């Protein structure tokens, strides 16, 4: 049973990580150029991050 519990725990953590990435990238897509500049990012870097699939860090 510990192996199953560990697998479920790892799966849950992976799904949470993927959801956090998806959510962060959606919020990043809504920022304008002035906010991007405030966080030290330009539109090119933001677009590169936004286009990444959720499973890619």
Protein backbone atom coordinates (compact mmCIF):
# COMPACT_ATOMS: atom_id res chain seq x y z
CA UNK A 1 0.00 0.00 0.00
CA UNK A 2 2.78 2.54 0.64
CA UNK A 3 3.81 2.33 -3.03
CA UNK A 4 0.25 3.07 -4.13
CA UNK A 5 -0.06 5.93 -1.65
CA UNK A 6 3.22 7.36 -2.88
CA UNK A 7 2.09 7.12 -6.50
CA UNK A 8 -1.19 8.89 -5.70
CA UNK A 9 0.66 11.59 -3.78
CA UNK A 10 3.08 12.13 -6.66
CA UNK A 11 0.25 12.26 -9.18
CA UNK A 12 -1.64 14.81 -7.08
CA UNK A 13 1.46 16.99 -6.79
CA UNK A 14 2.11 16.77 -10.53
CA UNK A 15 -1.47 17.77 -11.34
CA UNK A 16 -1.26 20.71 -8.93
CA UNK A 17 2.00 21.85 -10.51
CA UNK A 18 0.51 21.64 -14.01
CA UNK A 19 -2.56 23.62 -12.92
CA UNK A 20 -0.38 26.30 -11.33
CA UNK A 21 1.66 26.66 -14.52
CA UNK A 22 -1.47 26.87 -16.67
CA UNK A 23 -3.00 29.47 -14.38
CA UNK A 24 0.20 31.55 -14.19
CA UNK A 25 0.58 31.55 -17.96
CA UNK A 26 -3.03 32.64 -18.44
CA UNK A 27 -2.49 35.54 -16.03
CA UNK A 28 0.79 36.44 -17.76
CA UNK A 29 -1.06 36.59 -21.09
CA UNK A 30 -3.33 39.31 -19.69
CA UNK A 31 -0.53 41.69 -18.65
CA UNK A 32 0.22 44.76 -20.73
CA UNK A 33 3.69 45.91 -21.78
CA UNK A 34 4.02 48.31 -18.85
CA UNK A 35 3.36 45.64 -16.23
CA UNK A 36 5.68 43.26 -18.06
CA UNK A 37 8.41 45.91 -17.93
CA UNK A 38 7.80 46.31 -14.18
CA UNK A 39 8.48 42.61 -13.65
CA UNK A 40 11.53 42.70 -15.94
CA UNK A 41 10.03 40.87 -18.89
CA UNK A 42 9.49 41.96 -22.45
CA UNK A 43 6.72 40.84 -24.79
CA UNK A 44 8.97 38.34 -26.58
CA UNK A 45 9.90 36.55 -23.35
CA UNK A 46 6.29 36.65 -22.15
CA UNK A 47 5.04 35.14 -25.40
CA UNK A 48 7.65 32.39 -25.21
CA UNK A 49 6.49 31.52 -21.70
CA UNK A 50 2.80 31.71 -22.61
CA UNK A 51 3.24 29.31 -25.55
CA UNK A 52 4.83 26.59 -23.41
CA UNK A 53 2.62 23.59 -22.73
CA UNK A 54 1.56 23.17 -19.10
CA UNK A 55 3.80 20.16 -18.56
CA UNK A 56 6.95 22.07 -19.52
CA UNK A 57 8.67 24.13 -16.81
